[in-house]
Amino acid sequence: MRGAVQYLGRNGAKVGLTGFCLGGAVTIIGATKIPELGRRRGVLRHSAGAGGEAGDVKIPLQAHFANKDDWCTPELVDGFDKAMKAAGKSLEAISL
């Protein structure tokens, strides 16, 4: 993923990350590991906290969650939200 961001950036493309479920976890990993994203944004859906530490996130994140979910529970989402805020990171969490 980092190679793709580097390649696209060489041509002036503005690159962000987005992912659903496991892809949401990959978005969080990318938000912690890809410095070339600069001040871009990551968007994840139906995934919270997997794949990275909140304190290591380097870009703003927007996250969409379901209010009733057996896997990505409201408690898990709340914990991720609190960890991001405690680390001083930008997270816009939207529950549907």
Protein backbone atom coordinates (compact mmCIF):
# COMPACT_ATOMS: atom_id res chain seq x y z
CA MET A 1 0.00 0.00 0.00
CA ARG A 2 2.82 2.40 0.82
CA GLY A 3 4.35 1.78 -2.61
CA ALA A 4 1.05 2.71 -4.27
CA VAL A 5 0.83 5.93 -2.24
CA GLN A 6 4.43 6.80 -3.16
CA TYR A 7 3.85 6.05 -6.85
CA LEU A 8 0.63 8.07 -7.08
CA GLY A 9 2.15 10.92 -5.09
CA ARG A 10 5.00 11.28 -7.60
CA ASN A 11 2.41 12.24 -10.19
CA GLY A 12 0.73 14.77 -7.90
CA ALA A 13 -2.24 12.59 -6.96
CA LYS A 14 -3.90 13.23 -3.61
CA VAL A 15 -4.21 9.83 -1.95
CA GLY A 16 -6.28 8.84 1.08
CA LEU A 17 -7.31 5.47 2.49
CA THR A 18 -10.67 3.80 2.82
CA GLY A 19 -11.72 0.32 3.87
CA PHE A 20 -14.65 -1.81 4.98
CA CYS A 21 -14.39 -4.47 7.72
CA LEU A 22 -10.90 -5.98 7.36
CA GLY A 23 -10.12 -3.11 4.98
CA GLY A 24 -10.93 -0.76 7.86
CA ALA A 25 -8.22 -2.42 9.91
CA VAL A 26 -5.87 -2.04 6.93
CA THR A 27 -6.82 1.65 6.80
CA ILE A 28 -5.80 2.02 10.44
CA ILE A 29 -2.52 0.22 9.76
CA GLY A 30 -1.87 2.53 6.82
CA ALA A 31 -2.69 5.54 8.99
CA THR A 32 0.09 4.45 11.34
CA LYS A 33 2.70 3.29 8.83
CA ILE A 34 2.55 5.48 5.68
CA PRO A 35 4.19 8.88 6.26
CA GLU A 36 3.62 9.91 2.63
CA LEU A 37 -0.08 10.35 3.35
CA GLY A 38 0.80 13.66 4.98
CA ARG A 39 -2.39 15.36 6.06
CA ARG A 40 -4.74 13.17 4.04
CA ARG A 41 -7.69 11.38 5.62
CA GLY A 42 -8.60 7.76 6.18
CA VAL A 43 -12.18 6.51 6.19
CA LEU A 44 -13.18 3.19 7.67
CA ARG A 45 -16.46 1.37 7.92
CA HIS A 46 -17.38 -1.37 10.35
CA SER A 47 -13.97 -1.77 11.94
CA ALA A 48 -12.51 -0.28 15.10
CA GLY A 49 -9.17 -0.46 16.74
CA ALA A 50 -7.85 -3.53 14.96
CA GLY A 51 -4.44 -3.20 13.42
CA GLY A 52 -2.91 -0.22 15.11
CA GLU A 53 -2.41 1.78 18.24
CA ALA A 54 -4.35 5.03 18.44
CA GLY A 55 -1.24 6.92 19.49
CA ASP A 56 0.51 5.91 16.26
CA VAL A 57 -2.21 7.20 13.89
CA LYS A 58 -0.75 10.00 11.76
CA ILE A 59 -3.77 11.16 9.73
CA PRO A 60 -7.34 12.19 10.62
CA LEU A 61 -9.82 9.32 10.52
CA GLN A 62 -13.52 9.21 9.87
CA ALA A 63 -15.26 6.02 10.96
CA HIS A 64 -18.76 4.68 10.27
CA PHE A 65 -20.25 2.07 12.59
CA ALA A 66 -23.52 0.21 13.07
CA ASN A 67 -25.31 0.72 16.38
CA LYS A 68 -26.25 -2.96 16.52
CA ASP A 69 -23.37 -5.24 15.67
CA ASP A 70 -22.12 -8.49 17.16
CA TRP A 71 -18.52 -8.04 16.02
CA CYS A 72 -17.71 -4.34 16.02
CA THR A 73 -19.74 -3.62 19.12
CA PRO A 74 -20.61 -0.16 20.44
CA GLU A 75 -18.27 -0.90 23.38
CA LEU A 76 -15.37 -1.59 21.02
CA VAL A 77 -16.16 1.58 19.07
CA ASP A 78 -16.34 3.60 22.30
CA GLY A 79 -12.96 2.23 23.41
CA PHE A 80 -11.38 3.12 20.06
CA ASP A 81 -12.91 6.61 20.21
CA LYS A 82 -11.60 7.16 23.76
CA ALA A 83 -8.12 5.89 22.84
CA MET A 84 -7.95 8.23 19.85
CA LYS A 85 -9.06 11.21 21.94
CA ALA A 86 -6.64 10.35 24.75
CA ALA A 87 -3.83 10.25 22.18
CA GLY A 88 -4.90 13.65 20.81
CA LYS A 89 -5.79 12.16 17.42
CA SER A 90 -8.57 13.25 15.08
CA LEU A 91 -11.48 10.83 14.80
CA GLU A 92 -14.95 11.62 13.52
CA ALA A 93 -17.06 8.62 14.53
CA ILE A 94 -20.48 8.21 12.97
CA SER A 95 -22.89 5.57 14.28
CA LEU A 96 -25.80 4.51 12.13
